[in-house]
Amino acid sequence: MGEPPSQLDGARVLLWCHLRHEGQTSAGAAICQYDEDGSIYMFYCNERWGVVGDTDHSTIAEATEALDQHYPEAFSRLRRLI
């Protein structure tokens, strides 16, 4: 599993990381923003960056806090997609 594409589900990828949890359906997470309305989503993705789940958030900070709560080790691995 490499880097995600620049967009997931039509939203621009801002931050991403690989998840390392055995038995989980998600292999990666990406915090994304829709340009049309500015909404922020965290997408949980499979090994091909196909979206398998999502949560909506008011801010990027709120999304990163949620990631840290569910996957504490993943927060330190967040990367910006350039």
N, C-alpha and C. Protein backbone atom coordinates (compact mmCIF):
# COMPACT_ATOMS: atom_id res chain seq x y z
N MET A 1 0.85 -1.18 0.00
CA MET A 1 0.00 0.00 0.00
C MET A 1 0.89 1.22 0.00
N GLY A 2 0.78 2.02 -1.04
CA GLY A 2 1.57 3.24 -1.15
C GLY A 2 0.76 4.45 -0.72
N GLU A 3 1.08 5.59 -1.31
CA GLU A 3 0.35 6.82 -1.03
C GLU A 3 -1.05 6.75 -1.64
N PRO A 4 -1.99 7.50 -1.07
CA PRO A 4 -3.33 7.53 -1.64
C PRO A 4 -3.35 8.40 -2.89
N PRO A 5 -4.42 8.30 -3.68
CA PRO A 5 -4.58 9.23 -4.79
C PRO A 5 -4.85 10.64 -4.24
N SER A 6 -4.83 11.62 -5.08
CA SER A 6 -5.03 13.01 -4.63
C SER A 6 -6.46 13.26 -4.17
N GLN A 7 -7.41 12.42 -4.60
CA GLN A 7 -8.80 12.55 -4.19
C GLN A 7 -9.38 11.19 -3.82
N LEU A 8 -10.23 11.20 -2.81
CA LEU A 8 -11.00 10.02 -2.43
C LEU A 8 -12.46 10.43 -2.38
N ASP A 9 -13.31 9.71 -3.05
CA ASP A 9 -14.74 10.00 -3.05
C ASP A 9 -15.02 11.45 -3.45
N GLY A 10 -14.19 12.01 -4.31
CA GLY A 10 -14.37 13.38 -4.78
C GLY A 10 -13.84 14.46 -3.85
N ALA A 11 -13.23 14.06 -2.73
CA ALA A 11 -12.68 15.02 -1.78
C ALA A 11 -11.15 15.02 -1.87
N ARG A 12 -10.57 16.19 -1.68
CA ARG A 12 -9.12 16.36 -1.76
C ARG A 12 -8.45 15.78 -0.51
N VAL A 13 -7.45 14.92 -0.70
CA VAL A 13 -6.71 14.33 0.41
C VAL A 13 -5.76 15.37 0.99
N LEU A 14 -5.87 15.60 2.30
CA LEU A 14 -5.00 16.55 2.99
C LEU A 14 -3.92 15.82 3.78
N LEU A 15 -4.34 14.85 4.58
CA LEU A 15 -3.43 14.08 5.44
C LEU A 15 -3.77 12.61 5.31
N TRP A 16 -2.79 11.75 5.47
CA TRP A 16 -3.04 10.31 5.36
C TRP A 16 -2.03 9.53 6.18
N CYS A 17 -2.38 8.27 6.45
CA CYS A 17 -1.45 7.37 7.12
C CYS A 17 -1.89 5.93 6.88
N HIS A 18 -0.96 5.02 7.07
CA HIS A 18 -1.27 3.60 7.06
C HIS A 18 -1.71 3.21 8.47
N LEU A 19 -2.64 2.29 8.56
CA LEU A 19 -3.09 1.78 9.85
C LEU A 19 -2.52 0.38 10.04
N ARG A 20 -2.14 0.06 11.25
CA ARG A 20 -1.53 -1.24 11.54
C ARG A 20 -2.32 -1.95 12.62
N HIS A 21 -3.48 -2.44 12.26
CA HIS A 21 -4.30 -3.20 13.21
C HIS A 21 -4.69 -4.51 12.57
N GLU A 22 -4.25 -5.60 13.16
CA GLU A 22 -4.60 -6.91 12.63
C GLU A 22 -6.10 -7.15 12.80
N GLY A 23 -6.70 -7.76 11.82
CA GLY A 23 -8.11 -8.07 11.88
C GLY A 23 -9.02 -6.92 11.52
N GLN A 24 -8.47 -5.77 11.18
CA GLN A 24 -9.28 -4.61 10.81
C GLN A 24 -9.52 -4.61 9.30
N THR A 25 -10.64 -4.06 8.88
CA THR A 25 -10.92 -3.95 7.46
C THR A 25 -10.23 -2.74 6.84
N SER A 26 -9.82 -1.79 7.65
CA SER A 26 -9.16 -0.60 7.14
C SER A 26 -7.65 -0.78 7.14
N ALA A 27 -7.01 -0.35 6.06
CA ALA A 27 -5.56 -0.41 5.96
C ALA A 27 -4.93 0.98 6.00
N GLY A 28 -5.74 2.01 5.73
CA GLY A 28 -5.26 3.38 5.73
C GLY A 28 -6.36 4.33 6.12
N ALA A 29 -5.95 5.53 6.52
CA ALA A 29 -6.91 6.58 6.84
C ALA A 29 -6.46 7.85 6.15
N ALA A 30 -7.43 8.64 5.71
CA ALA A 30 -7.13 9.90 5.04
C ALA A 30 -8.12 10.96 5.50
N ILE A 31 -7.58 12.12 5.86
CA ILE A 31 -8.41 13.26 6.21
C ILE A 31 -8.53 14.09 4.94
N CYS A 32 -9.77 14.32 4.52
CA CYS A 32 -10.03 14.93 3.23
C CYS A 32 -10.99 16.10 3.36
N GLN A 33 -10.99 16.96 2.34
CA GLN A 33 -11.89 18.12 2.32
C GLN A 33 -12.55 18.24 0.96
N TYR A 34 -13.87 18.43 0.99
CA TYR A 34 -14.61 18.69 -0.24
C TYR A 34 -14.50 20.17 -0.57
N ASP A 35 -14.07 20.50 -1.78
CA ASP A 35 -13.89 21.88 -2.17
C ASP A 35 -15.22 22.64 -2.25
N GLU A 36 -16.30 21.96 -2.62
CA GLU A 36 -17.59 22.63 -2.83
C GLU A 36 -18.10 23.31 -1.57
N ASP A 37 -18.05 22.59 -0.44
CA ASP A 37 -18.61 23.15 0.79
C ASP A 37 -17.62 23.20 1.96
N GLY A 38 -16.40 22.73 1.74
CA GLY A 38 -15.38 22.79 2.78
C GLY A 38 -15.49 21.72 3.85
N SER A 39 -16.44 20.79 3.69
CA SER A 39 -16.63 19.78 4.72
C SER A 39 -15.41 18.86 4.81
N ILE A 40 -15.16 18.41 6.05
CA ILE A 40 -14.00 17.57 6.36
C ILE A 40 -14.48 16.16 6.68
N TYR A 41 -13.84 15.18 6.09
CA TYR A 41 -14.16 13.78 6.34
C TYR A 41 -12.88 13.01 6.61
N MET A 42 -12.99 12.01 7.46
CA MET A 42 -11.92 11.04 7.60
C MET A 42 -12.41 9.76 6.94
N PHE A 43 -11.68 9.33 5.95
CA PHE A 43 -12.02 8.11 5.24
C PHE A 43 -11.12 6.97 5.72
N TYR A 44 -11.74 5.85 6.00
CA TYR A 44 -11.01 4.62 6.30
C TYR A 44 -11.00 3.81 5.01
N CYS A 45 -9.83 3.34 4.62
CA CYS A 45 -9.66 2.74 3.30
C CYS A 45 -9.04 1.35 3.36
N ASN A 46 -9.30 0.58 2.30
CA ASN A 46 -8.68 -0.73 2.18
C ASN A 46 -7.27 -0.57 1.59
N GLU A 47 -6.62 -1.67 1.31
CA GLU A 47 -5.23 -1.62 0.83
C GLU A 47 -5.07 -1.00 -0.54
N ARG A 48 -6.16 -0.78 -1.26
CA ARG A 48 -6.10 -0.10 -2.57
C ARG A 48 -6.66 1.31 -2.49
N TRP A 49 -6.79 1.85 -1.32
CA TRP A 49 -7.36 3.16 -1.04
C TRP A 49 -8.81 3.29 -1.49
N GLY A 50 -9.52 2.18 -1.47
CA GLY A 50 -10.96 2.22 -1.66
C GLY A 50 -11.62 2.53 -0.33
N VAL A 51 -12.54 3.48 -0.31
CA VAL A 51 -13.18 3.90 0.94
C VAL A 51 -14.09 2.80 1.46
N VAL A 52 -13.90 2.42 2.72
CA VAL A 52 -14.74 1.40 3.36
C VAL A 52 -15.55 1.98 4.52
N GLY A 53 -15.27 3.22 4.90
CA GLY A 53 -16.02 3.88 5.97
C GLY A 53 -15.60 5.33 6.07
N ASP A 54 -16.43 6.14 6.71
CA ASP A 54 -16.08 7.55 6.87
C ASP A 54 -16.74 8.15 8.10
N THR A 55 -16.18 9.25 8.55
CA THR A 55 -16.77 10.07 9.61
C THR A 55 -16.62 11.52 9.19
N ASP A 56 -17.61 12.34 9.52
CA ASP A 56 -17.51 13.76 9.19
C ASP A 56 -17.08 14.54 10.42
N HIS A 57 -16.38 15.64 10.17
CA HIS A 57 -15.81 16.45 11.26
C HIS A 57 -15.93 17.93 10.92
N SER A 58 -15.97 18.75 11.96
CA SER A 58 -16.10 20.20 11.77
C SER A 58 -14.78 20.85 11.34
N THR A 59 -13.66 20.28 11.82
CA THR A 59 -12.35 20.85 11.51
C THR A 59 -11.33 19.73 11.28
N ILE A 60 -10.21 20.10 10.71
CA ILE A 60 -9.12 19.14 10.53
C ILE A 60 -8.61 18.69 11.90
N ALA A 61 -8.52 19.62 12.85
CA ALA A 61 -8.07 19.28 14.19
C ALA A 61 -8.99 18.25 14.84
N GLU A 62 -10.28 18.40 14.65
CA GLU A 62 -11.24 17.44 15.21
C GLU A 62 -11.05 16.06 14.58
N ALA A 63 -10.79 16.03 13.29
CA ALA A 63 -10.56 14.76 12.61
C ALA A 63 -9.29 14.09 13.10
N THR A 64 -8.22 14.86 13.30
CA THR A 64 -6.97 14.27 13.79
C THR A 64 -7.13 13.78 15.23
N GLU A 65 -7.92 14.49 16.03
CA GLU A 65 -8.19 14.03 17.40
C GLU A 65 -8.94 12.70 17.39
N ALA A 66 -9.91 12.58 16.49
CA ALA A 66 -10.66 11.33 16.38
C ALA A 66 -9.75 10.18 15.96
N LEU A 67 -8.86 10.44 15.03
CA LEU A 67 -7.91 9.41 14.61
C LEU A 67 -7.04 9.00 15.78
N ASP A 68 -6.57 9.96 16.56
CA ASP A 68 -5.72 9.69 17.71
C ASP A 68 -6.46 8.86 18.76
N GLN A 69 -7.75 9.08 18.92
CA GLN A 69 -8.53 8.30 19.89
C GLN A 69 -8.68 6.85 19.46
N HIS A 70 -8.90 6.63 18.17
CA HIS A 70 -9.15 5.27 17.67
C HIS A 70 -7.86 4.52 17.32
N TYR A 71 -6.87 5.25 16.84
CA TYR A 71 -5.60 4.65 16.42
C TYR A 71 -4.45 5.53 16.94
N PRO A 72 -4.15 5.47 18.22
CA PRO A 72 -3.14 6.37 18.81
C PRO A 72 -1.79 6.34 18.10
N GLU A 73 -1.38 5.18 17.66
CA GLU A 73 -0.07 5.08 17.00
C GLU A 73 -0.08 5.69 15.60
N ALA A 74 -1.23 5.85 15.01
CA ALA A 74 -1.32 6.38 13.64
C ALA A 74 -1.13 7.88 13.59
N PHE A 75 -1.51 8.58 14.65
CA PHE A 75 -1.42 10.05 14.66
C PHE A 75 0.00 10.53 14.35
N SER A 76 0.99 9.88 14.92
CA SER A 76 2.38 10.30 14.71
C SER A 76 2.86 9.99 13.29
N ARG A 77 2.12 9.17 12.55
CA ARG A 77 2.50 8.82 11.18
C ARG A 77 1.74 9.60 10.12
N LEU A 78 0.90 10.54 10.52
CA LEU A 78 0.16 11.33 9.53
C LEU A 78 1.12 12.07 8.61
N ARG A 79 0.80 12.05 7.33
CA ARG A 79 1.62 12.73 6.33
C ARG A 79 0.74 13.63 5.47
N ARG A 80 1.31 14.69 5.00
CA ARG A 80 0.60 15.56 4.06
C ARG A 80 0.78 14.98 2.66
N LEU A 81 -0.27 15.06 1.88
CA LEU A 81 -0.16 14.65 0.48
C LEU A 81 0.24 15.89 -0.30
N ILE A 82 1.39 15.82 -0.94
CA ILE A 82 1.91 16.99 -1.67
C ILE A 82 1.72 16.78 -3.15
